[in-house]
């Protein structure tokens, strides 16, 4: 499979996600699209990102989330050198929670 097909598929997924307007709609798509393990892994990474952004140390994050040091390290690398996805998502979640 060439990279262009992969990008087209990913682009369609991103567009599908952007059409969803409620948590229930999003949950329904993720339940259909992913295994429980995949959803748990992504949820754990987002929680790790939140805790890292609060300057929690690795050992405490491991104890609280059950994430491995490799997972925490990967998330930290994304927070520091990635494209800003975690930071933007966390900011928007916080903004939404503040508006409730």
N, C-alpha and C. Protein backbone atom coordinates (compact mmCIF):
# COMPACT_ATOMS: atom_id res chain seq x y z
N UNK A 1 0.85 -1.18 0.00
CA UNK A 1 0.00 0.00 0.00
C UNK A 1 0.89 1.24 0.00
N UNK A 2 0.59 2.17 -0.89
CA UNK A 2 1.44 3.36 -0.92
C UNK A 2 0.99 4.37 0.12
N UNK A 3 1.88 5.28 0.40
CA UNK A 3 1.65 6.27 1.46
C UNK A 3 0.46 7.17 1.13
N UNK A 4 0.22 7.45 -0.14
CA UNK A 4 -0.89 8.32 -0.53
C UNK A 4 -2.23 7.71 -0.14
N UNK A 5 -2.40 6.41 -0.34
CA UNK A 5 -3.64 5.74 0.08
C UNK A 5 -3.83 5.83 1.58
N UNK A 6 -2.74 5.64 2.32
CA UNK A 6 -2.81 5.71 3.77
C UNK A 6 -3.23 7.11 4.21
N UNK A 7 -2.68 8.14 3.59
CA UNK A 7 -3.04 9.51 3.95
C UNK A 7 -4.49 9.81 3.62
N UNK A 8 -4.98 9.28 2.49
CA UNK A 8 -6.37 9.49 2.11
C UNK A 8 -7.29 8.81 3.11
N UNK A 9 -6.94 7.62 3.54
CA UNK A 9 -7.75 6.92 4.54
C UNK A 9 -7.74 7.67 5.87
N UNK A 10 -6.59 8.10 6.28
CA UNK A 10 -6.48 8.85 7.54
C UNK A 10 -7.28 10.14 7.45
N UNK A 11 -7.17 10.83 6.33
CA UNK A 11 -7.91 12.09 6.13
C UNK A 11 -9.42 11.85 6.27
N UNK A 12 -9.90 10.74 5.72
CA UNK A 12 -11.33 10.42 5.82
C UNK A 12 -11.71 10.14 7.28
N UNK A 13 -10.85 9.47 8.00
CA UNK A 13 -11.10 9.23 9.43
C UNK A 13 -11.17 10.55 10.18
N UNK A 14 -10.21 11.45 9.94
CA UNK A 14 -10.20 12.74 10.63
C UNK A 14 -11.48 13.51 10.32
N UNK A 15 -11.90 13.49 9.06
CA UNK A 15 -13.14 14.18 8.68
C UNK A 15 -14.35 13.56 9.37
N UNK A 16 -14.36 12.23 9.47
CA UNK A 16 -15.47 11.55 10.15
C UNK A 16 -15.54 11.99 11.61
N UNK A 17 -14.38 12.06 12.26
CA UNK A 17 -14.35 12.48 13.67
C UNK A 17 -14.88 13.90 13.83
N UNK A 18 -14.55 14.76 12.89
CA UNK A 18 -14.98 16.15 12.98
C UNK A 18 -16.48 16.32 12.77
N UNK A 19 -17.16 15.32 12.19
CA UNK A 19 -18.60 15.42 12.00
C UNK A 19 -19.39 15.11 13.25
N UNK A 20 -18.75 14.46 14.22
CA UNK A 20 -19.45 14.05 15.43
C UNK A 20 -19.65 15.24 16.36
N UNK A 21 -20.82 15.30 16.99
CA UNK A 21 -21.11 16.47 17.80
C UNK A 21 -21.36 16.18 19.26
N UNK A 22 -21.50 14.90 19.62
CA UNK A 22 -21.74 14.58 21.03
C UNK A 22 -20.76 13.50 21.48
N UNK A 23 -20.60 13.41 22.79
CA UNK A 23 -19.77 12.36 23.36
C UNK A 23 -20.34 10.98 23.02
N UNK A 24 -21.65 10.85 23.02
CA UNK A 24 -22.27 9.57 22.69
C UNK A 24 -21.97 9.17 21.24
N UNK A 25 -22.03 10.12 20.31
CA UNK A 25 -21.70 9.81 18.92
C UNK A 25 -20.24 9.37 18.79
N UNK A 26 -19.37 10.06 19.49
CA UNK A 26 -17.95 9.73 19.45
C UNK A 26 -17.71 8.35 20.05
N UNK A 27 -18.34 8.07 21.17
CA UNK A 27 -18.21 6.77 21.82
C UNK A 27 -18.70 5.66 20.89
N UNK A 28 -19.81 5.90 20.20
CA UNK A 28 -20.36 4.88 19.29
C UNK A 28 -19.37 4.58 18.16
N UNK A 29 -18.78 5.61 17.58
CA UNK A 29 -17.81 5.38 16.51
C UNK A 29 -16.58 4.65 17.03
N UNK A 30 -16.04 5.09 18.15
CA UNK A 30 -14.85 4.44 18.70
C UNK A 30 -15.15 3.00 19.12
N UNK A 31 -16.35 2.74 19.64
CA UNK A 31 -16.73 1.37 20.00
C UNK A 31 -16.77 0.48 18.76
N UNK A 32 -17.24 1.03 17.65
CA UNK A 32 -17.28 0.27 16.40
C UNK A 32 -15.91 0.16 15.75
N UNK A 33 -15.10 1.18 15.88
CA UNK A 33 -13.83 1.28 15.18
C UNK A 33 -12.68 0.60 15.89
N UNK A 34 -12.68 0.63 17.22
CA UNK A 34 -11.53 0.18 18.01
C UNK A 34 -11.90 -0.96 18.94
N UNK A 35 -10.89 -1.70 19.35
CA UNK A 35 -11.09 -2.68 20.41
C UNK A 35 -11.11 -1.95 21.75
N UNK A 36 -11.60 -2.60 22.77
CA UNK A 36 -11.59 -2.02 24.11
C UNK A 36 -10.15 -1.71 24.53
N UNK A 37 -9.22 -2.59 24.19
CA UNK A 37 -7.81 -2.37 24.53
C UNK A 37 -7.26 -1.13 23.85
N UNK A 38 -7.63 -0.91 22.60
CA UNK A 38 -7.17 0.28 21.89
C UNK A 38 -7.73 1.56 22.51
N UNK A 39 -9.00 1.53 22.85
CA UNK A 39 -9.62 2.70 23.50
C UNK A 39 -8.96 2.95 24.85
N UNK A 40 -8.73 1.89 25.61
CA UNK A 40 -8.07 2.05 26.91
C UNK A 40 -6.66 2.61 26.76
N UNK A 41 -5.92 2.14 25.75
CA UNK A 41 -4.56 2.64 25.54
C UNK A 41 -4.57 4.12 25.18
N UNK A 42 -5.47 4.52 24.29
CA UNK A 42 -5.54 5.94 23.92
C UNK A 42 -5.98 6.80 25.09
N UNK A 43 -6.94 6.30 25.85
CA UNK A 43 -7.42 7.04 27.03
C UNK A 43 -6.30 7.19 28.05
N UNK A 44 -5.53 6.13 28.23
CA UNK A 44 -4.41 6.18 29.17
C UNK A 44 -3.37 7.20 28.71
N UNK A 45 -3.07 7.23 27.42
CA UNK A 45 -2.09 8.20 26.91
C UNK A 45 -2.56 9.63 27.15
N UNK A 46 -3.84 9.89 26.95
CA UNK A 46 -4.35 11.23 27.19
C UNK A 46 -4.25 11.60 28.67
N UNK A 47 -4.55 10.64 29.54
CA UNK A 47 -4.41 10.88 30.98
C UNK A 47 -2.95 11.14 31.34
N UNK A 48 -2.03 10.37 30.76
CA UNK A 48 -0.60 10.58 31.00
C UNK A 48 -0.20 11.97 30.54
N UNK A 49 -0.68 12.40 29.39
CA UNK A 49 -0.36 13.74 28.88
C UNK A 49 -0.85 14.81 29.86
N UNK A 50 -2.04 14.62 30.39
CA UNK A 50 -2.58 15.57 31.37
C UNK A 50 -1.68 15.64 32.59
N UNK A 51 -1.30 14.50 33.11
CA UNK A 51 -0.48 14.46 34.32
C UNK A 51 0.92 15.02 34.06
N UNK A 52 1.48 14.74 32.91
CA UNK A 52 2.79 15.32 32.56
C UNK A 52 2.69 16.84 32.45
N UNK A 53 1.58 17.31 31.90
CA UNK A 53 1.40 18.76 31.77
C UNK A 53 1.24 19.44 33.13
N UNK A 54 0.87 18.64 34.13
CA UNK A 54 0.77 19.14 35.51
C UNK A 54 2.08 18.92 36.26
N UNK A 55 3.13 18.51 35.53
CA UNK A 55 4.47 18.30 36.07
C UNK A 55 4.56 17.16 37.09
N UNK A 56 3.69 16.17 36.95
CA UNK A 56 3.77 14.99 37.81
C UNK A 56 4.97 14.15 37.37
N UNK A 57 5.64 13.51 38.31
CA UNK A 57 6.82 12.70 37.99
C UNK A 57 6.39 11.32 37.49
N UNK A 58 7.29 10.72 36.70
CA UNK A 58 7.00 9.44 36.06
C UNK A 58 6.51 8.38 37.06
N UNK A 59 7.19 8.24 38.18
CA UNK A 59 6.83 7.18 39.13
C UNK A 59 5.40 7.35 39.64
N UNK A 60 4.99 8.59 39.88
CA UNK A 60 3.62 8.84 40.33
C UNK A 60 2.62 8.57 39.21
N UNK A 61 2.99 8.93 37.98
CA UNK A 61 2.11 8.66 36.83
C UNK A 61 1.95 7.16 36.64
N UNK A 62 3.04 6.43 36.75
CA UNK A 62 2.98 4.97 36.62
C UNK A 62 2.04 4.39 37.67
N UNK A 63 2.16 4.86 38.91
CA UNK A 63 1.32 4.35 40.00
C UNK A 63 -0.15 4.70 39.78
N UNK A 64 -0.41 5.90 39.31
CA UNK A 64 -1.79 6.36 39.15
C UNK A 64 -2.48 5.77 37.93
N UNK A 65 -1.74 5.60 36.83
CA UNK A 65 -2.37 5.19 35.57
C UNK A 65 -2.09 3.75 35.17
N UNK A 66 -1.03 3.17 35.71
CA UNK A 66 -0.62 1.84 35.27
C UNK A 66 0.15 1.87 33.97
N UNK A 67 0.45 3.06 33.46
CA UNK A 67 1.21 3.18 32.21
C UNK A 67 2.66 2.78 32.44
N UNK A 68 3.27 2.20 31.42
CA UNK A 68 4.68 1.84 31.51
C UNK A 68 5.54 3.09 31.36
N UNK A 69 6.78 2.98 31.77
CA UNK A 69 7.69 4.11 31.60
C UNK A 69 7.90 4.40 30.12
N UNK A 70 7.84 3.38 29.27
CA UNK A 70 7.98 3.59 27.82
C UNK A 70 6.82 4.41 27.28
N UNK A 71 5.61 4.11 27.73
CA UNK A 71 4.44 4.89 27.30
C UNK A 71 4.55 6.33 27.78
N UNK A 72 4.92 6.51 29.02
CA UNK A 72 5.05 7.86 29.57
C UNK A 72 6.12 8.63 28.80
N UNK A 73 7.22 7.98 28.51
CA UNK A 73 8.30 8.61 27.77
C UNK A 73 7.84 9.02 26.37
N UNK A 74 7.10 8.15 25.72
CA UNK A 74 6.61 8.45 24.38
C UNK A 74 5.67 9.65 24.41
N UNK A 75 4.76 9.67 25.37
CA UNK A 75 3.83 10.79 25.49
C UNK A 75 4.60 12.07 25.79
N UNK A 76 5.58 11.99 26.67
CA UNK A 76 6.40 13.17 27.00
C UNK A 76 7.11 13.69 25.76
N UNK A 77 7.63 12.78 24.95
CA UNK A 77 8.32 13.18 23.72
C UNK A 77 7.35 13.90 22.78
N UNK A 78 6.13 13.38 22.69
CA UNK A 78 5.11 14.03 21.85
C UNK A 78 4.74 15.41 22.40
N UNK A 79 4.63 15.51 23.71
CA UNK A 79 4.31 16.81 24.31
C UNK A 79 5.40 17.83 24.03
N UNK A 80 6.65 17.38 24.09
CA UNK A 80 7.77 18.30 23.93
C UNK A 80 8.17 18.55 22.49
N UNK A 81 8.03 17.55 21.63
CA UNK A 81 8.55 17.67 20.27
C UNK A 81 7.54 17.31 19.19
N UNK A 82 6.32 17.01 19.58
CA UNK A 82 5.30 16.61 18.62
C UNK A 82 4.65 17.79 17.94
N UNK A 83 3.49 17.55 17.39
CA UNK A 83 2.78 18.56 16.60
C UNK A 83 1.79 19.39 17.42
N UNK A 84 1.73 19.14 18.72
CA UNK A 84 0.87 19.95 19.59
C UNK A 84 -0.53 19.41 19.78
N UNK A 85 -0.76 18.20 19.32
CA UNK A 85 -2.11 17.63 19.43
C UNK A 85 -2.57 17.42 20.86
N UNK A 86 -1.70 16.85 21.68
CA UNK A 86 -2.08 16.65 23.08
C UNK A 86 -2.37 17.99 23.75
N UNK A 87 -1.48 18.96 23.58
CA UNK A 87 -1.64 20.26 24.25
C UNK A 87 -2.94 20.93 23.83
N UNK A 88 -3.24 20.89 22.54
CA UNK A 88 -4.47 21.53 22.05
C UNK A 88 -5.70 20.80 22.58
N UNK A 89 -5.69 19.49 22.55
CA UNK A 89 -6.83 18.72 23.06
C UNK A 89 -7.04 18.98 24.55
N UNK A 90 -5.96 18.96 25.31
CA UNK A 90 -6.07 19.20 26.75
C UNK A 90 -6.57 20.61 27.04
N UNK A 91 -6.11 21.58 26.27
CA UNK A 91 -6.57 22.96 26.44
C UNK A 91 -8.06 23.06 26.16
N UNK A 92 -8.50 22.41 25.09
CA UNK A 92 -9.91 22.48 24.72
C UNK A 92 -10.79 21.74 25.73
N UNK A 93 -10.31 20.63 26.25
CA UNK A 93 -11.07 19.91 27.28
C UNK A 93 -11.24 20.81 28.51
N UNK A 94 -10.15 21.44 28.92
CA UNK A 94 -10.19 22.34 30.08
C UNK A 94 -11.14 23.50 29.83
N UNK A 95 -11.07 24.11 28.64
CA UNK A 95 -11.98 25.21 28.29
C UNK A 95 -13.43 24.76 28.35
N UNK A 96 -13.71 23.56 27.81
CA UNK A 96 -15.08 23.04 27.81
C UNK A 96 -15.56 22.77 29.22
N UNK A 97 -14.68 22.22 30.06
CA UNK A 97 -15.06 21.93 31.45
C UNK A 97 -15.28 23.22 32.23
N UNK A 98 -14.50 24.25 31.94
CA UNK A 98 -14.68 25.53 32.61
C UNK A 98 -16.00 26.18 32.22
N UNK A 99 -16.46 25.89 31.00
CA UNK A 99 -17.71 26.47 30.50
C UNK A 99 -18.96 25.74 30.94
N UNK A 100 -18.78 24.59 31.60
CA UNK A 100 -19.96 23.81 32.03
C UNK A 100 -20.63 24.42 33.22
